[in-house]
Amino acid sequence: MVTIEQSAVVKIKSLLADETTEGLKLRLYVSGGGCSGFNYGFTLEADKEEDDFVIDNLVVDAMSMQYFDNATIDFTSDKLKGSQFVISNPNAKSTCGCGSSFSV
């Protein structure tokens, strides 16, 4: 299961509140590529697939969920790095410097 820290919950709600389309959720997914093999991705979408996992306002497809077992999603704001979602993933054997890609 994925743990969503309170700061990430607040940011997700804020992002969704700024949208005019009703029923949107933030989708977290994994795709191939990046300097470490897989990329994390986020998108807003209204569609939900039958095999999606829904945690608060976060949606994760079944294929991606296998990479997020026991992962934690946080949101940080730093004057030097900017604001970003941070994924702490115990399944990642290595990550890139920016933290947006990983390998298993």
PDB file of N, CA and C in Angstrom:
ATOM      1  N   MET A   1       0.837  -1.182   0.000  1.00  0.00           N
ATOM      2  CA  MET A   1       0.000   0.000   0.000  1.00  0.00           C
ATOM      3  C   MET A   1       0.880   1.242   0.000  1.00  0.00           C
ATOM      4  N   VAL A   2       0.349   2.321  -0.484  1.00  0.00           N
ATOM      5  CA  VAL A   2       1.034   3.609  -0.555  1.00  0.00           C
ATOM      6  C   VAL A   2       0.597   4.471   0.623  1.00  0.00           C
ATOM      7  N   THR A   3       1.554   5.135   1.260  1.00  0.00           N
ATOM      8  CA  THR A   3       1.258   6.081   2.325  1.00  0.00           C
ATOM      9  C   THR A   3       1.383   7.485   1.757  1.00  0.00           C
ATOM     10  N   ILE A   4       0.371   8.308   2.001  1.00  0.00           N
ATOM     11  CA  ILE A   4       0.397   9.689   1.538  1.00  0.00           C
ATOM     12  C   ILE A   4       0.499  10.593   2.760  1.00  0.00           C
ATOM     13  N   GLU A   5       1.603  11.314   2.860  1.00  0.00           N
ATOM     14  CA  GLU A   5       1.815  12.219   3.983  1.00  0.00           C
ATOM     15  C   GLU A   5       0.821  13.383   3.908  1.00  0.00           C
ATOM     16  N   GLN A   6       0.548  13.994   5.047  1.00  0.00           N
ATOM     17  CA  GLN A   6      -0.442  15.068   5.128  1.00  0.00           C
ATOM     18  C   GLN A   6      -0.118  16.227   4.182  1.00  0.00           C
ATOM     19  N   SER A   7       1.163  16.563   4.045  1.00  0.00           N
ATOM     20  CA  SER A   7       1.537  17.668   3.147  1.00  0.00           C
ATOM     21  C   SER A   7       1.162  17.362   1.697  1.00  0.00           C
ATOM     22  N   ALA A   8       1.267  16.096   1.294  1.00  0.00           N
ATOM     23  CA  ALA A   8       0.879  15.695  -0.062  1.00  0.00           C
ATOM     24  C   ALA A   8      -0.641  15.709  -0.213  1.00  0.00           C
ATOM     25  N   VAL A   9      -1.361  15.280   0.812  1.00  0.00           N
ATOM     26  CA  VAL A   9      -2.833  15.311   0.774  1.00  0.00           C
ATOM     27  C   VAL A   9      -3.314  16.744   0.588  1.00  0.00           C
ATOM     28  N   VAL A  10      -2.726  17.664   1.338  1.00  0.00           N
ATOM     29  CA  VAL A  10      -3.108  19.078   1.247  1.00  0.00           C
ATOM     30  C   VAL A  10      -2.818  19.618  -0.151  1.00  0.00           C
ATOM     31  N   LYS A  11      -1.658  19.292  -0.712  1.00  0.00           N
ATOM     32  CA  LYS A  11      -1.301  19.783  -2.045  1.00  0.00           C
ATOM     33  C   LYS A  11      -2.205  19.187  -3.116  1.00  0.00           C
ATOM     34  N   ILE A  12      -2.517  17.914  -3.023  1.00  0.00           N
ATOM     35  CA  ILE A  12      -3.405  17.282  -3.999  1.00  0.00           C
ATOM     36  C   ILE A  12      -4.767  17.950  -3.968  1.00  0.00           C
ATOM     37  N   LYS A  13      -5.304  18.171  -2.769  1.00  0.00           N
ATOM     38  CA  LYS A  13      -6.600  18.850  -2.642  1.00  0.00           C
ATOM     39  C   LYS A  13      -6.542  20.250  -3.227  1.00  0.00           C
ATOM     40  N   SER A  14      -5.446  20.954  -3.014  1.00  0.00           N
ATOM     41  CA  SER A  14      -5.269  22.298  -3.549  1.00  0.00           C
ATOM     42  C   SER A  14      -5.228  22.280  -5.078  1.00  0.00           C
ATOM     43  N   LEU A  15      -4.489  21.340  -5.643  1.00  0.00           N
ATOM     44  CA  LEU A  15      -4.422  21.218  -7.106  1.00  0.00           C
ATOM     45  C   LEU A  15      -5.797  20.949  -7.703  1.00  0.00           C
ATOM     46  N   LEU A  16      -6.536  20.044  -7.081  1.00  0.00           N
ATOM     47  CA  LEU A  16      -7.858  19.681  -7.590  1.00  0.00           C
ATOM     48  C   LEU A  16      -8.854  20.819  -7.422  1.00  0.00           C
ATOM     49  N   ALA A  17      -8.714  21.597  -6.351  1.00  0.00           N
ATOM     50  CA  ALA A  17      -9.624  22.721  -6.112  1.00  0.00           C
ATOM     51  C   ALA A  17      -9.445  23.818  -7.155  1.00  0.00           C
ATOM     52  N   ASP A  18      -8.254  23.922  -7.730  1.00  0.00           N
ATOM     53  CA  ASP A  18      -7.975  24.935  -8.744  1.00  0.00           C
ATOM     54  C   ASP A  18      -8.550  24.572 -10.114  1.00  0.00           C
ATOM     55  N   GLU A  19      -9.003  23.341 -10.278  1.00  0.00           N
ATOM     56  CA  GLU A  19      -9.516  22.868 -11.563  1.00  0.00           C
ATOM     57  C   GLU A  19     -11.023  23.082 -11.666  1.00  0.00           C
ATOM     58  N   THR A  20     -11.501  23.299 -12.880  1.00  0.00           N
ATOM     59  CA  THR A  20     -12.934  23.503 -13.090  1.00  0.00           C
ATOM     60  C   THR A  20     -13.663  22.202 -13.427  1.00  0.00           C
ATOM     61  N   THR A  21     -12.940  21.179 -13.846  1.00  0.00           N
ATOM     62  CA  THR A  21     -13.540  19.895 -14.186  1.00  0.00           C
ATOM     63  C   THR A  21     -13.831  19.109 -12.915  1.00  0.00           C
ATOM     64  N   GLU A  22     -15.059  18.687 -12.756  1.00  0.00           N
ATOM     65  CA  GLU A  22     -15.428  17.918 -11.567  1.00  0.00           C
ATOM     66  C   GLU A  22     -14.957  16.471 -11.690  1.00  0.00           C
ATOM     67  N   GLY A  23     -14.694  15.861 -10.548  1.00  0.00           N
ATOM     68  CA  GLY A  23     -14.343  14.448 -10.514  1.00  0.00           C
ATOM     69  C   GLY A  23     -12.897  14.139 -10.842  1.00  0.00           C
ATOM     70  N   LEU A  24     -12.055  15.146 -10.956  1.00  0.00           N
ATOM     71  CA  LEU A  24     -10.648  14.894 -11.252  1.00  0.00           C
ATOM     72  C   LEU A  24      -9.950  14.247 -10.067  1.00  0.00           C
ATOM     73  N   LYS A  25      -8.979  13.435 -10.380  1.00  0.00           N
ATOM     74  CA  LYS A  25      -8.097  12.821  -9.391  1.00  0.00           C
ATOM     75  C   LYS A  25      -6.670  13.012  -9.894  1.00  0.00           C
ATOM     76  N   LEU A  26      -5.717  12.943  -8.991  1.00  0.00           N
ATOM     77  CA  LEU A  26      -4.314  12.966  -9.382  1.00  0.00           C
ATOM     78  C   LEU A  26      -3.880  11.524  -9.610  1.00  0.00           C
ATOM     79  N   ARG A  27      -3.393  11.243 -10.824  1.00  0.00           N
ATOM     80  CA  ARG A  27      -2.932   9.895 -11.148  1.00  0.00           C
ATOM     81  C   ARG A  27      -1.422   9.843 -11.007  1.00  0.00           C
ATOM     82  N   LEU A  28      -0.942   8.852 -10.263  1.00  0.00           N
ATOM     83  CA  LEU A  28       0.474   8.548 -10.116  1.00  0.00           C
ATOM     84  C   LEU A  28       0.737   7.298 -10.936  1.00  0.00           C
ATOM     85  N   TYR A  29       1.785   7.332 -11.758  1.00  0.00           N
ATOM     86  CA  TYR A  29       2.074   6.166 -12.600  1.00  0.00           C
ATOM     87  C   TYR A  29       3.577   5.999 -12.776  1.00  0.00           C
ATOM     88  N   VAL A  30       3.950   4.847 -13.287  1.00  0.00           N
ATOM     89  CA  VAL A  30       5.332   4.526 -13.611  1.00  0.00           C
ATOM     90  C   VAL A  30       5.392   4.272 -15.113  1.00  0.00           C
ATOM     91  N   SER A  31       6.413   4.832 -15.759  1.00  0.00           N
ATOM     92  CA  SER A  31       6.627   4.564 -17.179  1.00  0.00           C
ATOM     93  C   SER A  31       8.097   4.248 -17.400  1.00  0.00           C
ATOM     94  N   GLY A  32       8.390   3.572 -18.486  1.00  0.00           N
ATOM     95  CA  GLY A  32       9.769   3.247 -18.823  1.00  0.00           C
ATOM     96  C   GLY A  32      10.515   4.490 -19.275  1.00  0.00           C
ATOM     97  N   GLY A  33      11.812   4.532 -18.984  1.00  0.00           N
ATOM     98  CA  GLY A  33      12.642   5.659 -19.406  1.00  0.00           C
ATOM     99  C   GLY A  33      13.372   6.277 -18.236  1.00  0.00           C
ATOM    100  N   GLY A  34      13.957   7.420 -18.472  1.00  0.00           N
ATOM    101  CA  GLY A  34      14.693   8.097 -17.417  1.00  0.00           C
ATOM    102  C   GLY A  34      16.092   7.543 -17.283  1.00  0.00           C
ATOM    103  N   CYS A  35      16.908   8.218 -16.556  1.00  0.00           N
ATOM    104  CA  CYS A  35      18.306   7.810 -16.442  1.00  0.00           C
ATOM    105  C   CYS A  35      18.491   6.550 -15.588  1.00  0.00           C
ATOM    106  N   SER A  36      17.472   6.170 -14.821  1.00  0.00           N
ATOM    107  CA  SER A  36      17.598   4.972 -13.986  1.00  0.00           C
ATOM    108  C   SER A  36      16.709   3.816 -14.441  1.00  0.00           C
ATOM    109  N   GLY A  37      15.908   3.990 -15.469  1.00  0.00           N
ATOM    110  CA  GLY A  37      15.113   2.882 -15.989  1.00  0.00           C
ATOM    111  C   GLY A  37      13.615   3.111 -15.985  1.00  0.00           C
ATOM    112  N   PHE A  38      13.069   3.636 -14.901  1.00  0.00           N
ATOM    113  CA  PHE A  38      11.642   3.931 -14.793  1.00  0.00           C
ATOM    114  C   PHE A  38      11.469   5.378 -14.344  1.00  0.00           C
ATOM    115  N   ASN A  39      10.396   6.009 -14.808  1.00  0.00           N
ATOM    116  CA  ASN A  39      10.056   7.374 -14.394  1.00  0.00           C
ATOM    117  C   ASN A  39       8.782   7.372 -13.579  1.00  0.00           C
ATOM    118  N   TYR A  40       8.715   8.243 -12.579  1.00  0.00           N
ATOM    119  CA  TYR A  40       7.467   8.531 -11.894  1.00  0.00           C
ATOM    120  C   TYR A  40       6.756   9.605 -12.707  1.00  0.00           C
ATOM    121  N   GLY A  41       5.441   9.534 -12.744  1.00  0.00           N
ATOM    122  CA  GLY A  41       4.679  10.561 -13.434  1.00  0.00           C
ATOM    123  C   GLY A  41       3.401  10.889 -12.692  1.00  0.00           C
ATOM    124  N   PHE A  42       2.931  12.109 -12.883  1.00  0.00           N
ATOM    125  CA  PHE A  42       1.678  12.577 -12.299  1.00  0.00           C
ATOM    126  C   PHE A  42       0.865  13.240 -13.394  1.00  0.00           C
ATOM    127  N   THR A  43      -0.427  13.034 -13.368  1.00  0.00           N
ATOM    128  CA  THR A  43      -1.331  13.719 -14.283  1.00  0.00           C
ATOM    129  C   THR A  43      -2.699  13.840 -13.619  1.00  0.00           C
ATOM    130  N   LEU A  44      -3.460  14.819 -14.041  1.00  0.00           N
ATOM    131  CA  LEU A  44      -4.836  14.957 -13.564  1.00  0.00           C
ATOM    132  C   LEU A  44      -5.754  14.274 -14.559  1.00  0.00           C
ATOM    133  N   GLU A  45      -6.655  13.447 -14.072  1.00  0.00           N
ATOM    134  CA  GLU A  45      -7.635  12.831 -14.962  1.00  0.00           C
ATOM    135  C   GLU A  45      -8.912  12.472 -14.230  1.00  0.00           C
ATOM    136  N   ALA A  46      -9.967  12.440 -15.010  1.00  0.00           N
ATOM    137  CA  ALA A  46     -11.282  12.124 -14.458  1.00  0.00           C
ATOM    138  C   ALA A  46     -11.602  10.643 -14.592  1.00  0.00           C
ATOM    139  N   ASP A  47     -10.997   9.992 -15.566  1.00  0.00           N
ATOM    140  CA  ASP A  47     -11.307   8.584 -15.814  1.00  0.00           C
ATOM    141  C   ASP A  47     -10.646   7.689 -14.781  1.00  0.00           C
ATOM    142  N   LYS A  48     -11.383   6.669 -14.396  1.00  0.00           N
ATOM    143  CA  LYS A  48     -10.869   5.661 -13.474  1.00  0.00           C
ATOM    144  C   LYS A  48     -11.098   4.304 -14.106  1.00  0.00           C
ATOM    145  N   GLU A  49     -10.051   3.511 -14.172  1.00  0.00           N
ATOM    146  CA  GLU A  49     -10.143   2.163 -14.720  1.00  0.00           C
ATOM    147  C   GLU A  49     -10.603   1.192 -13.630  1.00  0.00           C
ATOM    148  N   GLU A  50     -11.130   0.074 -14.056  1.00  0.00           N
ATOM    149  CA  GLU A  50     -11.671  -0.921 -13.124  1.00  0.00           C
ATOM    150  C   GLU A  50     -10.624  -1.427 -12.130  1.00  0.00           C
ATOM    151  N   ASP A  51      -9.369  -1.567 -12.584  1.00  0.00           N
ATOM    152  CA  ASP A  51      -8.328  -2.125 -11.713  1.00  0.00           C
ATOM    153  C   ASP A  51      -7.472  -1.058 -11.024  1.00  0.00           C
ATOM    154  N   ASP A  52      -7.898   0.210 -11.067  1.00  0.00           N
ATOM    155  CA  ASP A  52      -7.173   1.279 -10.388  1.00  0.00           C
ATOM    156  C   ASP A  52      -7.314   1.179  -8.875  1.00  0.00           C
ATOM    157  N   PHE A  53      -6.278   1.600  -8.190  1.00  0.00           N
ATOM    158  CA  PHE A  53      -6.309   1.744  -6.739  1.00  0.00           C
ATOM    159  C   PHE A  53      -6.560   3.219  -6.454  1.00  0.00           C
ATOM    160  N   VAL A  54      -7.468   3.516  -5.537  1.00  0.00           N
ATOM    161  CA  VAL A  54      -7.774   4.895  -5.180  1.00  0.00           C
ATOM    162  C   VAL A  54      -7.453   5.094  -3.706  1.00  0.00           C
ATOM    163  N   ILE A  55      -6.591   6.075  -3.429  1.00  0.00           N
ATOM    164  CA  ILE A  55      -6.199   6.413  -2.065  1.00  0.00           C
ATOM    165  C   ILE A  55      -6.435   7.908  -1.926  1.00  0.00           C
ATOM    166  N   ASP A  56      -7.439   8.281  -1.156  1.00  0.00           N
ATOM    167  CA  ASP A  56      -7.863   9.677  -1.075  1.00  0.00           C
ATOM    168  C   ASP A  56      -8.157  10.167  -2.485  1.00  0.00           C
ATOM    169  N   ASN A  57      -7.485  11.202  -2.946  1.00  0.00           N
ATOM    170  CA  ASN A  57      -7.682  11.728  -4.295  1.00  0.00           C
ATOM    171  C   ASN A  57      -6.559  11.310  -5.236  1.00  0.00           C
ATOM    172  N   LEU A  58      -5.842  10.254  -4.877  1.00  0.00           N
ATOM    173  CA  LEU A  58      -4.747   9.736  -5.692  1.00  0.00           C
ATOM    174  C   LEU A  58      -5.179   8.414  -6.317  1.00  0.00           C
ATOM    175  N   VAL A  59      -4.918   8.264  -7.622  1.00  0.00           N
ATOM    176  CA  VAL A  59      -5.266   7.050  -8.357  1.00  0.00           C
ATOM    177  C   VAL A  59      -3.973   6.439  -8.882  1.00  0.00           C
ATOM    178  N   VAL A  60      -3.826   5.121  -8.717  1.00  0.00           N
ATOM    179  CA  VAL A  60      -2.656   4.402  -9.219  1.00  0.00           C
ATOM    180  C   VAL A  60      -3.152   3.181  -9.982  1.00  0.00           C
ATOM    181  N   ASP A  61      -2.670   3.016 -11.220  1.00  0.00           N
ATOM    182  CA  ASP A  61      -3.077   1.838 -11.992  1.00  0.00           C
ATOM    183  C   ASP A  61      -2.407   0.590 -11.427  1.00  0.00           C
ATOM    184  N   ALA A  62      -2.996  -0.567 -11.732  1.00  0.00           N
ATOM    185  CA  ALA A  62      -2.538  -1.832 -11.148  1.00  0.00           C
ATOM    186  C   ALA A  62      -1.093  -2.157 -11.529  1.00  0.00           C
ATOM    187  N   MET A  63      -0.697  -1.872 -12.773  1.00  0.00           N
ATOM    188  CA  MET A  63       0.666  -2.162 -13.202  1.00  0.00           C
ATOM    189  C   MET A  63       1.667  -1.319 -12.407  1.00  0.00           C
ATOM    190  N   SER A  64       1.359  -0.048 -12.228  1.00  0.00           N
ATOM    191  CA  SER A  64       2.267   0.840 -11.494  1.00  0.00           C
ATOM    192  C   SER A  64       2.290   0.528 -10.004  1.00  0.00           C
ATOM    193  N   MET A  65       1.163   0.085  -9.457  1.00  0.00           N
ATOM    194  CA  MET A  65       1.062  -0.144  -8.015  1.00  0.00           C
ATOM    195  C   MET A  65       2.088  -1.153  -7.522  1.00  0.00           C
ATOM    196  N   GLN A  66       2.457  -2.107  -8.361  1.00  0.00           N
ATOM    197  CA  GLN A  66       3.444  -3.100  -7.922  1.00  0.00           C
ATOM    198  C   GLN A  66       4.790  -2.453  -7.577  1.00  0.00           C
ATOM    199  N   TYR A  67       5.080  -1.299  -8.157  1.00  0.00           N
ATOM    200  CA  TYR A  67       6.329  -0.594  -7.871  1.00  0.00           C
ATOM    201  C   TYR A  67       6.234   0.312  -6.644  1.00  0.00           C
ATOM    202  N   PHE A  68       5.030   0.527  -6.139  1.00  0.00           N
ATOM    203  CA  PHE A  68       4.819   1.445  -5.026  1.00  0.00           C
ATOM    204  C   PHE A  68       4.516   0.749  -3.709  1.00  0.00           C
ATOM    205  N   ASP A  69       4.720  -0.554  -3.602  1.00  0.00           N
ATOM    206  CA  ASP A  69       4.442  -1.268  -2.372  1.00  0.00           C
ATOM    207  C   ASP A  69       5.275  -0.680  -1.231  1.00  0.00           C
ATOM    208  N   ASN A  70       4.615  -0.192  -0.209  1.00  0.00           N
ATOM    209  CA  ASN A  70       5.226   0.427   0.976  1.00  0.00           C
ATOM    210  C   ASN A  70       5.921   1.764   0.695  1.00  0.00           C
ATOM    211  N   ALA A  71       5.609   2.393  -0.428  1.00  0.00           N
ATOM    212  CA  ALA A  71       6.185   3.700  -0.744  1.00  0.00           C
ATOM    213  C   ALA A  71       5.438   4.798   0.014  1.00  0.00           C
ATOM    214  N   THR A  72       6.116   5.929   0.198  1.00  0.00           N
ATOM    215  CA  THR A  72       5.544   7.094   0.858  1.00  0.00           C
ATOM    216  C   THR A  72       5.637   8.281  -0.101  1.00  0.00           C
ATOM    217  N   ILE A  73       4.532   9.018  -0.203  1.00  0.00           N
ATOM    218  CA  ILE A  73       4.505  10.209  -1.050  1.00  0.00           C
ATOM    219  C   ILE A  73       4.373  11.421  -0.150  1.00  0.00           C
ATOM    220  N   ASP A  74       5.273  12.356  -0.333  1.00  0.00           N
ATOM    221  CA  ASP A  74       5.299  13.573   0.460  1.00  0.00           C
ATOM    222  C   ASP A  74       5.326  14.757  -0.501  1.00  0.00           C
ATOM    223  N   PHE A  75       5.099  15.941   0.010  1.00  0.00           N
ATOM    224  CA  PHE A  75       5.220  17.155  -0.790  1.00  0.00           C
ATOM    225  C   PHE A  75       6.105  18.117  -0.029  1.00  0.00           C
ATOM    226  N   THR A  76       7.153  18.607  -0.704  1.00  0.00           N
ATOM    227  CA  THR A  76       8.081  19.523  -0.055  1.00  0.00           C
ATOM    228  C   THR A  76       8.164  20.823  -0.839  1.00  0.00           C
ATOM    229  N   SER A  77       8.490  21.865  -0.121  1.00  0.00           N
ATOM    230  CA  SER A  77       8.682  23.173  -0.727  1.00  0.00           C
ATOM    231  C   SER A  77      10.011  23.713  -0.236  1.00  0.00           C
ATOM    232  N   ASP A  78      10.893  23.998  -1.172  1.00  0.00           N
ATOM    233  CA  ASP A  78      12.228  24.471  -0.847  1.00  0.00           C
ATOM    234  C   ASP A  78      12.545  25.657  -1.759  1.00  0.00           C
ATOM    235  N   LYS A  79      13.102  26.706  -1.203  1.00  0.00           N
ATOM    236  CA  LYS A  79      13.396  27.902  -2.011  1.00  0.00           C
ATOM    237  C   LYS A  79      14.407  27.614  -3.112  1.00  0.00           C
ATOM    238  N   LEU A  80      15.350  26.716  -2.878  1.00  0.00           N
ATOM    239  CA  LEU A  80      16.358  26.405  -3.887  1.00  0.00           C
ATOM    240  C   LEU A  80      15.862  25.395  -4.920  1.00  0.00           C
ATOM    241  N   LYS A  81      15.195  24.341  -4.478  1.00  0.00           N
ATOM    242  CA  LYS A  81      14.754  23.271  -5.374  1.00  0.00           C
ATOM    243  C   LYS A  81      13.346  23.473  -5.910  1.00  0.00           C
ATOM    244  N   GLY A  82      12.572  24.330  -5.282  1.00  0.00           N
ATOM    245  CA  GLY A  82      11.181  24.502  -5.679  1.00  0.00           C
ATOM    246  C   GLY A  82      10.289  23.508  -4.959  1.00  0.00           C
ATOM    247  N   SER A  83       9.030  23.480  -5.343  1.00  0.00           N
ATOM    248  CA  SER A  83       8.056  22.581  -4.727  1.00  0.00           C
ATOM    249  C   SER A  83       7.941  21.320  -5.559  1.00  0.00           C
ATOM    250  N   GLN A  84       7.782  20.185  -4.870  1.00  0.00           N
ATOM    251  CA  GLN A  84       7.665  18.925  -5.606  1.00  0.00           C
ATOM    252  C   GLN A  84       7.118  17.817  -4.718  1.00  0.00           C
ATOM    253  N   PHE A  85       6.492  16.850  -5.393  1.00  0.00           N
ATOM    254  CA  PHE A  85       6.137  15.620  -4.719  1.00  0.00           C
ATOM    255  C   PHE A  85       7.404  14.793  -4.616  1.00  0.00           C
ATOM    256  N   VAL A  86       7.599  14.170  -3.460  1.00  0.00           N
ATOM    257  CA  VAL A  86       8.770  13.331  -3.221  1.00  0.00           C
ATOM    258  C   VAL A  86       8.280  11.926  -2.918  1.00  0.00           C
ATOM    259  N   ILE A  87       8.800  10.959  -3.653  1.00  0.00           N
ATOM    260  CA  ILE A  87       8.417   9.564  -3.462  1.00  0.00           C
ATOM    261  C   ILE A  87       9.579   8.820  -2.815  1.00  0.00           C
ATOM    262  N   SER A  88       9.333   8.302  -1.619  1.00  0.00           N
ATOM    263  CA  SER A  88      10.304   7.448  -0.938  1.00  0.00           C
ATOM    264  C   SER A  88       9.878   6.020  -1.199  1.00  0.00           C
ATOM    265  N   ASN A  89      10.655   5.341  -2.027  1.00  0.00           N
ATOM    266  CA  ASN A  89      10.258   4.021  -2.513  1.00  0.00           C
ATOM    267  C   ASN A  89      11.263   2.971  -2.062  1.00  0.00           C
ATOM    268  N   PRO A  90      10.892   2.111  -1.103  1.00  0.00           N
ATOM    269  CA  PRO A  90      11.824   1.090  -0.617  1.00  0.00           C
ATOM    270  C   PRO A  90      12.125   0.016  -1.666  1.00  0.00           C
ATOM    271  N   ASN A  91      11.344  -0.038  -2.746  1.00  0.00           N
ATOM    272  CA  ASN A  91      11.567  -1.022  -3.803  1.00  0.00           C
ATOM    273  C   ASN A  91      12.620  -0.583  -4.809  1.00  0.00           C
ATOM    274  N   ALA A  92      12.984   0.687  -4.799  1.00  0.00           N
ATOM    275  CA  ALA A  92      13.961   1.215  -5.751  1.00  0.00           C
ATOM    276  C   ALA A  92      15.369   0.798  -5.327  1.00  0.00           C
ATOM    277  N   LYS A  93      16.050   0.126  -6.213  1.00  0.00           N
ATOM    278  CA  LYS A  93      17.432  -0.279  -5.936  1.00  0.00           C
ATOM    279  C   LYS A  93      18.390   0.893  -6.139  1.00  0.00           C
ATOM    280  N   SER A  94      18.033   1.784  -7.068  1.00  0.00           N
ATOM    281  CA  SER A  94      18.833   2.996  -7.279  1.00  0.00           C
ATOM    282  C   SER A  94      17.900   4.072  -7.834  1.00  0.00           C
ATOM    283  N   THR A  95      18.294   5.324  -7.639  1.00  0.00           N
ATOM    284  CA  THR A  95      17.532   6.448  -8.145  1.00  0.00           C
ATOM    285  C   THR A  95      18.481   7.432  -8.805  1.00  0.00           C
ATOM    286  N   CYS A  96      17.923   8.322  -9.598  1.00  0.00           N
ATOM    287  CA  CYS A  96      18.753   9.367 -10.195  1.00  0.00           C
ATOM    288  C   CYS A  96      18.890  10.526  -9.211  1.00  0.00           C
ATOM    289  N   GLY A  97      19.712  11.470  -9.520  1.00  0.00           N
ATOM    290  CA  GLY A  97      19.960  12.600  -8.628  1.00  0.00           C
ATOM    291  C   GLY A  97      18.737  13.442  -8.367  1.00  0.00           C
ATOM    292  N   CYS A  98      17.854  13.577  -9.369  1.00  0.00           N
ATOM    293  CA  CYS A  98      16.683  14.432  -9.201  1.00  0.00           C
ATOM    294  C   CYS A  98      15.536  13.689  -8.512  1.00  0.00           C
ATOM    295  N   GLY A  99      15.611  12.369  -8.424  1.00  0.00           N
ATOM    296  CA  GLY A  99      14.586  11.588  -7.729  1.00  0.00           C
ATOM    297  C   GLY A  99      13.367  11.279  -8.557  1.00  0.00           C
ATOM    298  N   SER A 100      13.391  11.590  -9.860  1.00  0.00           N
ATOM    299  CA  SER A 100      12.213  11.321 -10.682  1.00  0.00           C
ATOM    300  C   SER A 100      12.295   9.999 -11.437  1.00  0.00           C
ATOM    301  N   SER A 101      13.438   9.310 -11.367  1.00  0.00           N
ATOM    302  CA  SER A 101      13.518   7.995 -11.984  1.00  0.00           C
ATOM    303  C   SER A 101      14.197   7.018 -11.032  1.00  0.00           C
ATOM    304  N   PHE A 102      13.978   5.724 -11.289  1.00  0.00           N
ATOM    305  CA  PHE A 102      14.475   4.696 -10.385  1.00  0.00           C
ATOM    306  C   PHE A 102      14.648   3.394 -11.133  1.00  0.00           C
ATOM    307  N   SER A 103      15.333   2.445 -10.523  1.00  0.00           N
ATOM    308  CA  SER A 103      15.421   1.085 -11.048  1.00  0.00           C
ATOM    309  C   SER A 103      15.068   0.111  -9.955  1.00  0.00           C
ATOM    310  N   VAL A 104      14.623  -1.089 -10.352  1.00  0.00           N
ATOM    311  CA  VAL A 104      14.261  -2.122  -9.387  1.00  0.00           C
ATOM    312  C   VAL A 104      15.113  -3.350  -9.581  1.00  0.00           C
TER     313      VAL A 104
END
